[in-house]
Amino acid sequence: MNDPEEMRAMVLVSAGKRLQRVAMPVPVPGPTQILIEVHACGVCRTDLHVVDGELPHPKLPLIPGHEVVGKVHRLGEKAVGFKLGDRVGVPWLGSTDRSCRYCLEGRENLCDGAVFTGYTTDGGYAAYCLADCRYCYALPGAFGDLEAAPLLCAGLVGYRSYRMAGRNAERLGFYGFGAAAHLLAQVAVHEGRKVYAFTRRGDSDAQRFALSLGAVWAGPSDEMPPEKLDAAILFAPVGELVPAALRAVVKGGTVVCGGIHMSDIPSFPYQILWEERSVRSVANLTRQDGREFLEIAAKVPVRAEITVFTLEQANEALEGVRTGRLNGAAVLEIHA
């Protein structure tokens, strides 16, 4: 197997700046790491938060990207679970310290020593990337490389948000119908739930898209649904939607904030929180979330709507996510 010395990468040099195309050395795997030849990398809204400087203290310079699909090119001396040539997926959660109270309690998503792919360590906007083998996934054969990429964050973290909404939530609202919502809507419909899709006012394309995936209603996020919701998930990073969602849910209903970053939540009257409504946030994901979601995604089967870009078009892909003009997910197709 050839061992190239140099690779293409799109690099963030300074927060708020466009990514730069750079030729850089191919990294060498540490003991528990694998070197992955990247075939595809999803473009996530979290990447946008990193690039725009809304998430603090990224590694700089940084290769973004945490929805990575590729094949194992090299193995560290203690890497297990994969062999050369295996297809592998790399998620946002890159590694944890495995010893803090959160890890020991099965809440590794809250680990204070966690490493995050494409944020505190280099990610997949490159021809090759490193990953800790213990935090990677073998991917179901039901999905091609490009279709599998969005499952690794939009799907995984979206699934954690979905489960936090409660297993008994029959009427479920999604605020922001993009990469995550279009995947989880398919799971919800498969499980017999009624999906209500909330979009930007006037975004008829997104509303039609939601209805085509089985939503029973689609409309602007500043309107009330035709019936009260049991739970709502906010995938749009817009704090002012929290009071709107609280008004839309029944007594005892849950509002889940599914993003890693959100604009400030405005003050709201206690009356809309009263009657045992709750607001929850989602932080990262656990490996168990990933195993569960990939299994159910293959059974549904979940189909990702994607718009494909080349590696060198990463800035254009990020802009598409920023403007919300893409239905579904953006994915970079990468050839070493």
Protein backbone atom coordinates (compact mmCIF):
# COMPACT_ATOMS: atom_id res chain seq x y z
CA MET A 1 0.00 0.00 0.00
CA ASN A 2 1.41 3.38 -1.00
CA ASP A 3 2.32 5.76 1.80
CA PRO A 4 2.00 9.32 0.46
CA GLU A 5 3.99 11.98 2.24
CA GLU A 6 1.74 14.94 1.41
CA MET A 7 -2.01 15.57 1.32
CA ARG A 8 -4.51 18.24 0.35
CA ALA A 9 -6.45 19.93 3.15
CA MET A 10 -8.75 22.89 3.70
CA VAL A 11 -7.47 24.69 6.78
CA LEU A 12 -8.86 27.32 9.15
CA VAL A 13 -5.99 29.64 10.03
CA SER A 14 -7.99 32.26 11.92
CA ALA A 15 -11.58 32.29 13.17
CA GLY A 16 -13.91 34.24 10.91
CA LYS A 17 -11.72 33.74 7.82
CA ARG A 18 -12.25 31.56 4.77
CA LEU A 19 -10.60 28.17 4.75
CA GLN A 20 -7.34 27.96 2.85
CA ARG A 21 -6.24 25.13 0.55
CA VAL A 22 -2.97 23.80 1.94
CA ALA A 23 -0.58 20.96 1.09
CA MET A 24 0.64 19.41 4.31
CA PRO A 25 2.33 16.24 5.57
CA VAL A 26 0.21 13.12 5.99
CA PRO A 27 -0.06 12.53 9.76
CA VAL A 28 1.35 9.43 11.45
CA PRO A 29 -0.97 7.42 13.72
CA GLY A 30 -0.26 7.13 17.42
CA PRO A 31 -0.62 3.84 19.31
CA THR A 32 -4.45 3.62 19.34
CA GLN A 33 -5.04 5.70 16.23
CA ILE A 34 -5.85 4.78 12.66
CA LEU A 35 -4.94 6.79 9.58
CA ILE A 36 -7.99 7.11 7.35
CA GLU A 37 -8.01 7.81 3.64
CA VAL A 38 -10.99 10.15 3.52
CA HIS A 39 -13.64 9.54 0.87
CA ALA A 40 -16.36 11.87 2.15
CA CYS A 41 -16.90 14.42 4.91
CA GLY A 42 -20.20 16.00 5.81
CA VAL A 43 -20.44 19.75 6.31
CA CYS A 44 -22.22 20.39 9.60
CA ARG A 45 -23.62 23.55 11.13
CA THR A 46 -21.16 22.99 13.99
CA ASP A 47 -18.34 23.38 11.44
CA LEU A 48 -19.83 26.76 10.67
CA HIS A 49 -19.87 27.72 14.36
CA VAL A 50 -16.19 26.73 14.59
CA VAL A 51 -15.17 28.59 11.44
CA ASP A 52 -17.15 31.71 12.41
CA GLY A 53 -15.54 31.81 15.87
CA GLU A 54 -18.78 31.12 17.78
CA LEU A 55 -17.19 28.13 19.53
CA PRO A 56 -14.21 29.20 21.66
CA HIS A 57 -10.62 28.00 21.63
CA PRO A 58 -10.43 25.76 18.56
CA LYS A 59 -7.11 24.19 17.66
CA LEU A 60 -5.47 26.56 15.19
CA PRO A 61 -4.55 26.06 12.47
CA LEU A 62 -7.37 23.53 12.15
CA ILE A 63 -8.70 21.08 9.59
CA PRO A 64 -12.48 21.11 10.25
CA GLY A 65 -14.93 18.28 9.66
CA HIS A 66 -16.42 15.63 11.94
CA GLU A 67 -18.63 13.53 9.66
CA VAL A 68 -15.81 11.52 8.15
CA VAL A 69 -16.10 8.40 6.00
CA GLY A 70 -13.12 6.59 4.56
CA LYS A 71 -11.00 3.45 4.68
CA VAL A 72 -8.24 2.44 7.06
CA HIS A 73 -4.87 3.18 5.49
CA ARG A 74 -2.54 2.60 8.45
CA LEU A 75 -2.91 1.25 11.99
CA GLY A 76 -1.21 2.32 15.20
CA GLU A 77 0.59 -0.43 17.05
CA LYS A 78 -2.23 -0.81 19.62
CA ALA A 79 -5.16 -0.09 17.32
CA VAL A 80 -7.81 -2.83 17.43
CA GLY A 81 -11.23 -3.48 15.93
CA PHE A 82 -10.30 -2.58 12.35
CA LYS A 83 -7.97 -3.86 9.67
CA LEU A 84 -6.40 -2.24 6.62
CA GLY A 85 -8.98 -1.38 4.00
CA ASP A 86 -11.97 -1.44 6.37
CA ARG A 87 -14.57 1.29 5.87
CA VAL A 88 -14.87 3.48 8.93
CA GLY A 89 -16.83 6.47 10.21
CA VAL A 90 -15.48 9.17 12.50
CA PRO A 91 -17.88 11.26 14.63
CA TRP A 92 -17.68 14.52 16.62
CA LEU A 93 -16.61 12.75 19.83
CA GLY A 94 -12.98 11.98 19.09
CA SER A 95 -11.93 10.57 22.47
CA THR A 96 -12.46 10.93 26.21
CA ASP A 97 -10.28 10.50 29.28
CA ARG A 98 -12.21 7.30 30.22
CA SER A 99 -11.62 7.97 33.94
CA CYS A 100 -13.63 11.04 35.04
CA ARG A 101 -16.95 10.77 36.87
CA TYR A 102 -18.90 11.34 33.66
CA CYS A 103 -17.12 8.56 31.77
CA LEU A 104 -17.48 6.16 34.69
CA GLU A 105 -21.21 6.96 34.91
CA GLY A 106 -21.78 6.23 31.22
CA ARG A 107 -22.04 9.94 30.34
CA GLU A 108 -18.88 10.25 28.27
CA ASN A 109 -20.52 12.99 26.21
CA LEU A 110 -19.93 15.30 29.21
CA CYS A 111 -16.28 14.33 29.76
CA ASP A 112 -14.17 17.35 30.75
CA GLY A 113 -11.19 15.86 28.92
CA ALA A 114 -13.00 15.06 25.68
CA VAL A 115 -11.39 15.65 22.30
CA PHE A 116 -13.64 16.73 19.44
CA THR A 117 -12.98 15.92 15.80
CA GLY A 118 -12.57 18.98 13.62
CA TYR A 119 -12.51 21.32 16.64
CA THR A 120 -9.85 20.42 19.21
CA THR A 121 -8.15 18.00 16.82
CA ASP A 122 -7.93 17.93 13.03
CA GLY A 123 -10.86 16.53 11.12
CA GLY A 124 -11.91 15.35 7.71
CA TYR A 125 -11.66 18.30 5.30
CA ALA A 126 -8.53 16.61 3.98
CA ALA A 127 -7.36 13.60 2.00
CA TYR A 128 -6.32 11.82 5.21
CA CYS A 129 -7.13 12.15 8.89
CA LEU A 130 -6.30 10.47 12.19
CA ALA A 131 -8.86 9.02 14.60
CA ASP A 132 -8.82 7.01 17.81
CA CYS A 133 -9.97 3.52 16.80
CA ARG A 134 -12.02 3.18 20.02
CA TYR A 135 -14.35 6.01 18.96
CA CYS A 136 -14.86 5.05 15.31
CA TYR A 137 -17.72 3.10 13.74
CA ALA A 138 -17.96 0.31 11.24
CA LEU A 139 -20.60 1.58 8.82
CA PRO A 140 -23.61 -0.42 7.56
CA GLY A 141 -23.33 -1.53 3.96
CA ALA A 142 -26.77 -0.03 3.30
CA PHE A 143 -25.16 3.40 2.86
CA GLY A 144 -22.67 4.66 0.31
CA ASP A 145 -19.81 6.88 1.48
CA LEU A 146 -21.52 10.16 0.58
CA GLU A 147 -24.85 9.13 2.11
CA ALA A 148 -23.20 7.81 5.29
CA ALA A 149 -21.35 11.04 6.12
CA PRO A 150 -24.32 13.08 7.46
CA LEU A 151 -25.32 10.19 9.70
CA LEU A 152 -22.18 10.74 11.77
CA CYS A 153 -23.31 14.00 13.37
CA ALA A 154 -26.60 15.25 11.99
CA GLY A 155 -27.81 11.71 12.54
CA LEU A 156 -26.01 10.77 15.77
CA VAL A 157 -26.49 13.99 17.74
CA GLY A 158 -29.95 14.36 16.20
CA TYR A 159 -30.78 10.88 17.48
CA ARG A 160 -29.70 11.83 21.01
CA SER A 161 -31.99 14.87 20.79
CA TYR A 162 -34.78 12.66 19.46
CA ARG A 163 -34.50 10.22 22.35
CA MET A 164 -34.40 13.08 24.88
CA ALA A 165 -37.78 14.21 23.54
CA GLY A 166 -39.22 11.06 25.12
CA ARG A 167 -40.28 7.71 23.79
CA ASN A 168 -43.96 8.55 24.37
CA ALA A 169 -43.94 11.78 22.34
CA GLU A 170 -46.51 11.00 19.66
CA ARG A 171 -46.72 14.53 18.22
CA LEU A 172 -43.20 15.79 17.61
CA GLY A 173 -42.13 19.19 16.28
CA PHE A 174 -38.85 19.91 14.48
CA TYR A 175 -37.80 23.56 14.42
CA GLY A 176 -35.36 23.94 11.54
CA PHE A 177 -35.72 21.32 8.83
CA GLY A 178 -32.18 20.72 7.63
CA ALA A 179 -29.53 18.02 7.84
CA ALA A 180 -30.52 16.56 11.21
CA ALA A 181 -34.28 17.02 11.03
CA HIS A 182 -34.67 15.36 7.63
CA LEU A 183 -32.88 12.25 8.93
CA LEU A 184 -34.73 12.02 12.25
CA ALA A 185 -38.10 12.73 10.63
CA GLN A 186 -37.69 9.45 8.78
CA VAL A 187 -37.01 7.60 12.04
CA ALA A 188 -40.00 9.28 13.71
CA VAL A 189 -42.37 8.40 10.89
CA HIS A 190 -41.03 4.84 10.89
CA GLU A 191 -41.84 4.63 14.61
CA GLY A 192 -45.39 5.87 14.05
CA ARG A 193 -45.03 9.43 15.30
CA LYS A 194 -46.62 12.52 13.79
CA VAL A 195 -44.01 15.01 12.62
CA TYR A 196 -44.61 18.77 12.47
CA ALA A 197 -41.94 20.71 10.57
CA PHE A 198 -41.17 24.36 11.30
CA THR A 199 -39.12 26.35 8.79
CA ARG A 200 -38.21 29.94 8.03
CA ARG A 201 -41.23 31.92 6.90
CA GLY A 202 -41.59 31.66 3.13
CA ASP A 203 -39.33 28.62 2.78
CA SER A 204 -41.82 26.63 0.75
CA ASP A 205 -39.10 24.31 -0.60
CA ALA A 206 -38.20 23.11 2.90
CA GLN A 207 -41.87 22.73 3.77
CA ARG A 208 -42.55 20.62 0.68
CA PHE A 209 -39.43 18.59 1.46
CA ALA A 210 -40.70 17.89 4.98
CA LEU A 211 -44.10 16.82 3.72
CA SER A 212 -42.48 14.50 1.19
CA LEU A 213 -40.73 12.71 4.08
CA GLY A 214 -44.00 12.09 5.89
CA ALA A 215 -44.54 15.20 8.01
CA VAL A 216 -48.25 15.77 8.68
CA TRP A 217 -47.83 19.56 8.74
CA ALA A 218 -45.18 22.07 7.69
CA GLY A 219 -45.21 25.80 8.27
CA PRO A 220 -43.28 28.83 9.52
CA SER A 221 -41.65 28.67 12.94
CA ASP A 222 -43.52 31.74 14.20
CA GLU A 223 -46.89 30.00 13.80
CA MET A 224 -48.60 27.57 16.14
CA PRO A 225 -49.11 24.02 14.82
CA PRO A 226 -52.69 22.82 14.24
CA GLU A 227 -52.53 20.82 17.48
CA LYS A 228 -50.36 20.93 20.58
CA LEU A 229 -47.10 18.98 20.49
CA ASP A 230 -45.90 16.42 23.01
CA ALA A 231 -42.31 17.54 22.43
CA ALA A 232 -40.27 19.80 20.19
CA ILE A 233 -36.65 19.67 19.06
CA LEU A 234 -34.83 22.84 18.06
CA PHE A 235 -32.25 22.12 15.38
CA ALA A 236 -32.16 25.77 14.29
CA PRO A 237 -29.64 27.63 16.53
CA VAL A 238 -32.11 30.45 17.21
CA GLY A 239 -32.77 31.22 20.88
CA GLU A 240 -36.03 33.06 20.20
CA LEU A 241 -37.56 29.76 19.10
CA VAL A 242 -37.43 28.39 22.66
CA PRO A 243 -40.42 30.47 23.88
CA ALA A 244 -42.25 29.66 20.64
CA ALA A 245 -41.70 25.94 21.18
CA LEU A 246 -42.78 26.17 24.84
CA ARG A 247 -46.06 27.73 23.72
CA ALA A 248 -46.53 24.88 21.23
CA VAL A 249 -46.11 21.95 23.63
CA VAL A 250 -48.69 20.41 25.95
CA LYS A 251 -48.55 20.42 29.74
CA GLY A 252 -45.60 18.28 30.77
CA GLY A 253 -44.10 18.67 27.29
CA THR A 254 -40.39 18.85 26.54
CA VAL A 255 -38.39 21.29 24.42
CA VAL A 256 -34.97 19.94 23.41
CA CYS A 257 -32.24 22.29 22.19
CA GLY A 258 -30.26 20.09 19.83
CA GLY A 259 -27.33 22.32 18.85
CA ILE A 260 -23.92 22.89 20.37
CA HIS A 261 -24.37 26.65 19.91
CA MET A 262 -27.45 28.85 20.00
CA SER A 263 -28.15 32.57 20.08
CA ASP A 264 -29.31 33.92 23.42
CA ILE A 265 -32.74 32.87 24.62
CA PRO A 266 -34.91 35.95 25.27
CA SER A 267 -36.80 36.36 28.53
CA PHE A 268 -40.25 34.81 28.55
CA PRO A 269 -43.18 34.63 30.97
CA TYR A 270 -43.07 31.86 33.54
CA GLN A 271 -46.58 30.92 32.48
CA ILE A 272 -45.35 29.16 29.32
CA LEU A 273 -42.86 27.07 31.33
CA TRP A 274 -45.30 26.27 34.11
CA GLU A 275 -47.35 23.05 34.18
CA GLU A 276 -44.18 20.96 34.22
CA ARG A 277 -42.90 21.84 30.79
CA SER A 278 -39.14 21.42 30.52
CA VAL A 279 -36.26 22.75 28.43
CA ARG A 280 -33.24 20.51 27.87
CA SER A 281 -29.98 20.84 25.99
CA VAL A 282 -28.00 18.15 24.22
CA ALA A 283 -24.24 17.96 24.59
CA ASN A 284 -22.28 15.90 22.08
CA LEU A 285 -22.99 12.17 21.88
CA THR A 286 -21.96 8.83 23.34
CA ARG A 287 -20.67 5.84 21.45
CA GLN A 288 -23.86 4.02 22.42
CA ASP A 289 -25.92 6.72 20.69
CA GLY A 290 -23.95 5.97 17.55
CA ARG A 291 -24.41 2.22 17.71
CA GLU A 292 -28.16 2.54 18.28
CA PHE A 293 -28.72 5.10 15.54
CA LEU A 294 -26.69 3.32 12.86
CA GLU A 295 -28.62 0.14 13.56
CA ILE A 296 -32.03 1.77 13.29
CA ALA A 297 -30.96 3.92 10.32
CA ALA A 298 -30.15 0.76 8.37
CA LYS A 299 -33.50 -0.79 9.28
CA VAL A 300 -35.71 2.18 8.29
CA PRO A 301 -33.70 2.71 6.00
CA VAL A 302 -32.86 6.39 6.46
CA ARG A 303 -31.98 8.16 3.22
CA ALA A 304 -29.88 11.29 3.32
CA GLU A 305 -30.69 14.08 0.87
CA ILE A 306 -27.28 15.46 -0.04
CA THR A 307 -25.65 18.18 -2.11
CA VAL A 308 -22.13 17.17 -3.14
CA PHE A 309 -19.13 19.53 -3.23
CA THR A 310 -15.45 18.93 -3.90
CA LEU A 311 -12.91 19.40 -1.11
CA GLU A 312 -11.82 22.68 -2.67
CA GLN A 313 -15.44 23.91 -2.56
CA ALA A 314 -15.59 23.65 1.24
CA ASN A 315 -16.14 27.40 1.64
CA GLU A 316 -19.06 27.29 -0.78
CA ALA A 317 -20.53 24.33 1.11
CA LEU A 318 -20.26 26.21 4.41
CA GLU A 319 -21.98 29.20 2.86
CA GLY A 320 -24.80 26.94 1.68
CA VAL A 321 -25.28 25.76 5.26
CA ARG A 322 -25.13 29.34 6.53
CA THR A 323 -27.86 30.58 4.20
CA GLY A 324 -30.05 27.50 4.65
CA ARG A 325 -30.48 27.20 0.88
CA LEU A 326 -29.69 23.47 0.83
CA ASN A 327 -32.29 20.78 1.36
CA GLY A 328 -30.78 18.08 3.54
CA ALA A 329 -27.00 17.95 4.02
CA ALA A 330 -23.85 19.15 2.29
CA VAL A 331 -21.08 16.62 1.75
CA LEU A 332 -17.52 16.99 0.48
CA GLU A 333 -16.41 14.23 -1.90
CA ILE A 334 -12.69 13.70 -1.43
CA HIS A 335 -10.19 11.74 -3.47
CA ALA A 336 -6.69 11.19 -2.13
